[in-house]
Amino acid sequence: VQIGRKAGVTDAEIAHCRMGPDSPGCPAFDAALLRAADELHARQCIGDATWAALAARYDTLQLMDVVFAVGQY
């Protein structure tokens, strides 16, 4: 939360993170990022549907950054 706030993450965005990817009003792409973190934590891989949702906006390097960022935390 402290790092997020320093980076400009709003309280509403933090609340969505705490409630998870299926929280009401959570933007679809934010939900995909949250789902990716949950999947990596639970199964050490990102599922095909989540990967496709991320790949609709991110290039290969950005996709790998998602994996590395989750792994660091």
Protein backbone atom coordinates (compact mmCIF):
# COMPACT_ATOMS: atom_id res chain seq x y z
CA VAL A 1 0.00 0.00 0.00
CA GLN A 2 2.81 2.40 0.88
CA ILE A 3 4.62 1.77 -2.42
CA GLY A 4 1.36 2.07 -4.35
CA ARG A 5 0.46 5.38 -2.74
CA LYS A 6 3.92 6.77 -3.53
CA ALA A 7 3.36 5.72 -7.16
CA GLY A 8 0.00 7.50 -7.28
CA VAL A 9 -2.37 4.57 -6.73
CA THR A 10 -5.68 5.86 -5.37
CA ASP A 11 -7.51 4.58 -2.31
CA ALA A 12 -10.26 3.22 -4.61
CA GLU A 13 -7.68 1.26 -6.61
CA ILE A 14 -6.16 -0.10 -3.40
CA ALA A 15 -9.63 -1.17 -2.25
CA HIS A 16 -10.15 -3.08 -5.52
CA CYS A 17 -6.84 -4.85 -5.00
CA ARG A 18 -7.84 -5.89 -1.50
CA MET A 19 -11.22 -7.22 -2.69
CA GLY A 20 -9.70 -9.16 -5.58
CA PRO A 21 -10.24 -9.34 -9.33
CA ASP A 22 -13.97 -9.96 -9.10
CA SER A 23 -14.76 -6.90 -6.98
CA PRO A 24 -17.60 -4.75 -8.32
CA GLY A 25 -16.37 -1.87 -10.46
CA CYS A 26 -12.85 -3.21 -10.84
CA PRO A 27 -11.64 -2.28 -14.34
CA ALA A 28 -11.20 -5.34 -16.58
CA PHE A 29 -7.49 -4.90 -17.15
CA ASP A 30 -6.82 -4.29 -13.45
CA ALA A 31 -8.76 -7.48 -12.74
CA ALA A 32 -6.54 -9.36 -15.21
CA LEU A 33 -3.42 -8.12 -13.41
CA LEU A 34 -4.85 -9.12 -10.03
CA ARG A 35 -5.88 -12.50 -11.42
CA ALA A 36 -2.35 -13.03 -12.81
CA ALA A 37 -0.86 -12.34 -9.38
CA ASP A 38 -3.33 -14.73 -7.73
CA GLU A 39 -2.64 -17.46 -10.30
CA LEU A 40 1.13 -17.10 -9.99
CA HIS A 41 0.86 -17.31 -6.21
CA ALA A 42 -1.43 -20.35 -6.24
CA ARG A 43 -0.08 -22.34 -9.20
CA GLN A 44 3.20 -20.72 -10.25
CA CYS A 45 1.78 -20.00 -13.72
CA ILE A 46 -0.68 -17.68 -15.41
CA GLY A 47 -3.67 -19.34 -17.08
CA ASP A 48 -4.34 -18.99 -20.80
CA ALA A 49 -7.39 -16.72 -20.40
CA THR A 50 -5.57 -14.35 -18.07
CA TRP A 51 -2.48 -14.31 -20.29
CA ALA A 52 -4.65 -13.48 -23.31
CA ALA A 53 -6.34 -10.63 -21.44
CA LEU A 54 -2.94 -9.18 -20.53
CA ALA A 55 -1.53 -9.75 -24.04
CA ALA A 56 -4.36 -7.66 -25.50
CA ARG A 57 -2.61 -4.60 -24.05
CA TYR A 58 0.95 -5.65 -23.16
CA ASP A 59 3.82 -6.68 -25.42
CA THR A 60 6.08 -9.64 -24.58
CA LEU A 61 8.49 -7.62 -22.43
CA GLN A 62 5.64 -6.13 -20.42
CA LEU A 63 4.12 -9.58 -19.93
CA MET A 64 7.41 -10.83 -18.55
CA ASP A 65 7.58 -7.77 -16.28
CA VAL A 66 4.25 -8.85 -14.77
CA VAL A 67 5.74 -12.24 -13.91
CA PHE A 68 8.94 -10.70 -12.51
CA ALA A 69 7.11 -8.06 -10.47
CA VAL A 70 4.81 -10.62 -8.86
CA GLY A 71 7.80 -12.85 -8.17
CA GLN A 72 9.60 -10.03 -6.36
CA TYR A 73 6.73 -9.50 -3.94
